[in-house]
Amino acid sequence: FENSNSDFFRTGKFIDEEGVEVTGDDIMAKGFLNGNRIGVVVWNQHLTEERDYSVSVPGYRLTGVSEPGRKSVTNTSPLSANSIRLLEFKKI
């Protein structure tokens, strides 16, 4: 997962929560900037329950969603307990 998203995790600039709006119980989100794109890692910190969440980056639109070990995932599906998801945004 880290290798296939190295443009965020290895060569991107860590921006923490700057410009990232997140809601949801037990949800943490951290951003990585690479050019005109931002990758946001969303983590459900709850150990036993899946959680709904919402993430937006003003001035950017969602262009992709991925999750380790899953071939198909959507932004609107709840996030499993103690798991992460990467949301990719592109500047409008």
C-alpha atoms as a PDB file:
ATOM      1  CA  PHE A   1       0.000   0.000   0.000  1.00  0.00           C
ATOM      2  CA  GLU A   2       2.835   2.374   0.875  1.00  0.00           C
ATOM      3  CA  ASN A   3       4.698   1.450  -2.322  1.00  0.00           C
ATOM      4  CA  SER A   4       1.681   1.863  -4.600  1.00  0.00           C
ATOM      5  CA  ASN A   5       0.999   5.308  -3.070  1.00  0.00           C
ATOM      6  CA  SER A   6       4.607   6.460  -2.770  1.00  0.00           C
ATOM      7  CA  ASP A   7       3.829   9.772  -4.493  1.00  0.00           C
ATOM      8  CA  PHE A   8       2.097  10.749  -1.245  1.00  0.00           C
ATOM      9  CA  PHE A   9       3.896   8.730   1.429  1.00  0.00           C
ATOM     10  CA  ARG A  10       7.498   9.008   0.204  1.00  0.00           C
ATOM     11  CA  THR A  11       7.742  12.090  -1.996  1.00  0.00           C
ATOM     12  CA  GLY A  12       4.754  14.081  -0.764  1.00  0.00           C
ATOM     13  CA  LYS A  13       4.884  16.799   1.864  1.00  0.00           C
ATOM     14  CA  PHE A  14       3.177  15.921   5.161  1.00  0.00           C
ATOM     15  CA  ILE A  15       0.577  18.627   5.857  1.00  0.00           C
ATOM     16  CA  ASP A  16      -1.041  17.003   8.900  1.00  0.00           C
ATOM     17  CA  GLU A  17      -4.625  18.326   9.175  1.00  0.00           C
ATOM     18  CA  GLU A  18      -3.975  21.639   7.367  1.00  0.00           C
ATOM     19  CA  GLY A  19      -6.872  22.270   4.967  1.00  0.00           C
ATOM     20  CA  VAL A  20      -8.487  18.892   5.741  1.00  0.00           C
ATOM     21  CA  GLU A  21     -12.002  18.858   7.201  1.00  0.00           C
ATOM     22  CA  VAL A  22     -13.022  15.617   8.924  1.00  0.00           C
ATOM     23  CA  THR A  23     -16.009  14.470  10.965  1.00  0.00           C
ATOM     24  CA  GLY A  24     -16.742  11.145  12.629  1.00  0.00           C
ATOM     25  CA  ASP A  25     -16.327   9.484  16.008  1.00  0.00           C
ATOM     26  CA  ASP A  26     -12.869   7.918  16.526  1.00  0.00           C
ATOM     27  CA  ILE A  27     -11.747   9.136  13.083  1.00  0.00           C
ATOM     28  CA  MET A  28      -8.353  10.739  12.432  1.00  0.00           C
ATOM     29  CA  ALA A  29      -7.264  12.169   9.076  1.00  0.00           C
ATOM     30  CA  LYS A  30      -3.786  13.297   7.967  1.00  0.00           C
ATOM     31  CA  GLY A  31      -2.818  14.805   4.608  1.00  0.00           C
ATOM     32  CA  PHE A  32       0.104  14.565   2.173  1.00  0.00           C
ATOM     33  CA  LEU A  33       0.553  17.163  -0.578  1.00  0.00           C
ATOM     34  CA  ASN A  34       2.121  16.307  -3.953  1.00  0.00           C
ATOM     35  CA  GLY A  35       1.815  19.026  -6.598  1.00  0.00           C
ATOM     36  CA  ASN A  36      -1.866  19.716  -7.228  1.00  0.00           C
ATOM     37  CA  ARG A  37      -3.015  16.598  -5.350  1.00  0.00           C
ATOM     38  CA  ILE A  38      -3.600  15.778  -1.698  1.00  0.00           C
ATOM     39  CA  GLY A  39      -3.752  12.269  -0.293  1.00  0.00           C
ATOM     40  CA  VAL A  40      -5.647  11.999   2.992  1.00  0.00           C
ATOM     41  CA  VAL A  41      -5.192   8.931   5.169  1.00  0.00           C
ATOM     42  CA  VAL A  42      -8.336   8.295   7.214  1.00  0.00           C
ATOM     43  CA  TRP A  43      -7.955   6.040  10.255  1.00  0.00           C
ATOM     44  CA  ASN A  44     -10.747   4.516  12.322  1.00  0.00           C
ATOM     45  CA  GLN A  45      -9.116   4.340  15.741  1.00  0.00           C
ATOM     46  CA  HIS A  46     -11.928   2.298  17.327  1.00  0.00           C
ATOM     47  CA  LEU A  47     -10.728  -1.250  17.944  1.00  0.00           C
ATOM     48  CA  THR A  48     -13.991  -3.137  17.462  1.00  0.00           C
ATOM     49  CA  GLU A  49     -16.576  -1.026  15.594  1.00  0.00           C
ATOM     50  CA  GLU A  50     -16.749   0.304  12.045  1.00  0.00           C
ATOM     51  CA  ARG A  51     -17.362   4.026  11.714  1.00  0.00           C
ATOM     52  CA  ASP A  52     -18.956   6.448   9.269  1.00  0.00           C
ATOM     53  CA  TYR A  53     -16.939   9.552   8.437  1.00  0.00           C
ATOM     54  CA  SER A  54     -16.785  12.560   6.168  1.00  0.00           C
ATOM     55  CA  VAL A  55     -13.641  14.165   4.754  1.00  0.00           C
ATOM     56  CA  SER A  56     -13.410  17.189   2.502  1.00  0.00           C
ATOM     57  CA  VAL A  57     -10.602  19.406   1.274  1.00  0.00           C
ATOM     58  CA  PRO A  58     -11.942  22.823   0.205  1.00  0.00           C
ATOM     59  CA  GLY A  59     -10.784  23.717  -3.313  1.00  0.00           C
ATOM     60  CA  TYR A  60     -10.170  20.049  -4.204  1.00  0.00           C
ATOM     61  CA  ARG A  61     -12.382  17.274  -5.556  1.00  0.00           C
ATOM     62  CA  LEU A  62     -12.220  13.583  -4.682  1.00  0.00           C
ATOM     63  CA  THR A  63     -10.602  11.532  -7.476  1.00  0.00           C
ATOM     64  CA  GLY A  64      -9.801   8.178  -5.896  1.00  0.00           C
ATOM     65  CA  VAL A  65     -10.245   5.893  -2.895  1.00  0.00           C
ATOM     66  CA  SER A  66      -8.122   2.910  -1.868  1.00  0.00           C
ATOM     67  CA  GLU A  67      -7.593   0.676   1.124  1.00  0.00           C
ATOM     68  CA  PRO A  68      -4.878  -1.875   1.956  1.00  0.00           C
ATOM     69  CA  GLY A  69      -5.875  -5.405   0.944  1.00  0.00           C
ATOM     70  CA  ARG A  70      -9.077  -4.403  -0.872  1.00  0.00           C
ATOM     71  CA  LYS A  71      -9.487  -4.150  -4.623  1.00  0.00           C
ATOM     72  CA  SER A  72     -12.707  -2.134  -4.529  1.00  0.00           C
ATOM     73  CA  VAL A  73     -13.776   0.433  -1.951  1.00  0.00           C
ATOM     74  CA  THR A  74     -15.943   3.553  -1.913  1.00  0.00           C
ATOM     75  CA  ASN A  75     -15.631   6.736   0.072  1.00  0.00           C
ATOM     76  CA  THR A  76     -19.161   6.329   1.416  1.00  0.00           C
ATOM     77  CA  SER A  77     -18.747   2.865   2.922  1.00  0.00           C
ATOM     78  CA  PRO A  78     -18.086   2.732   6.680  1.00  0.00           C
ATOM     79  CA  LEU A  79     -14.450   2.296   7.681  1.00  0.00           C
ATOM     80  CA  SER A  80     -13.699  -1.007   9.426  1.00  0.00           C
ATOM     81  CA  ALA A  81     -12.403  -1.032  13.001  1.00  0.00           C
ATOM     82  CA  ASN A  82      -8.730  -0.071  13.374  1.00  0.00           C
ATOM     83  CA  SER A  83      -8.190   0.341   9.646  1.00  0.00           C
ATOM     84  CA  ILE A  84      -7.124   3.023   7.178  1.00  0.00           C
ATOM     85  CA  ARG A  85      -8.279   4.334   3.817  1.00  0.00           C
ATOM     86  CA  LEU A  86      -6.580   6.722   1.404  1.00  0.00           C
ATOM     87  CA  LEU A  87      -8.659   9.448  -0.235  1.00  0.00           C
ATOM     88  CA  GLU A  88      -7.078  11.211  -3.218  1.00  0.00           C
ATOM     89  CA  PHE A  89      -8.072  14.779  -4.034  1.00  0.00           C
ATOM     90  CA  LYS A  90      -7.115  16.995  -6.990  1.00  0.00           C
ATOM     91  CA  LYS A  91      -7.123  20.812  -7.020  1.00  0.00           C
ATOM     92  CA  ILE A  92     -10.134  22.273  -8.827  1.00  0.00           C
END
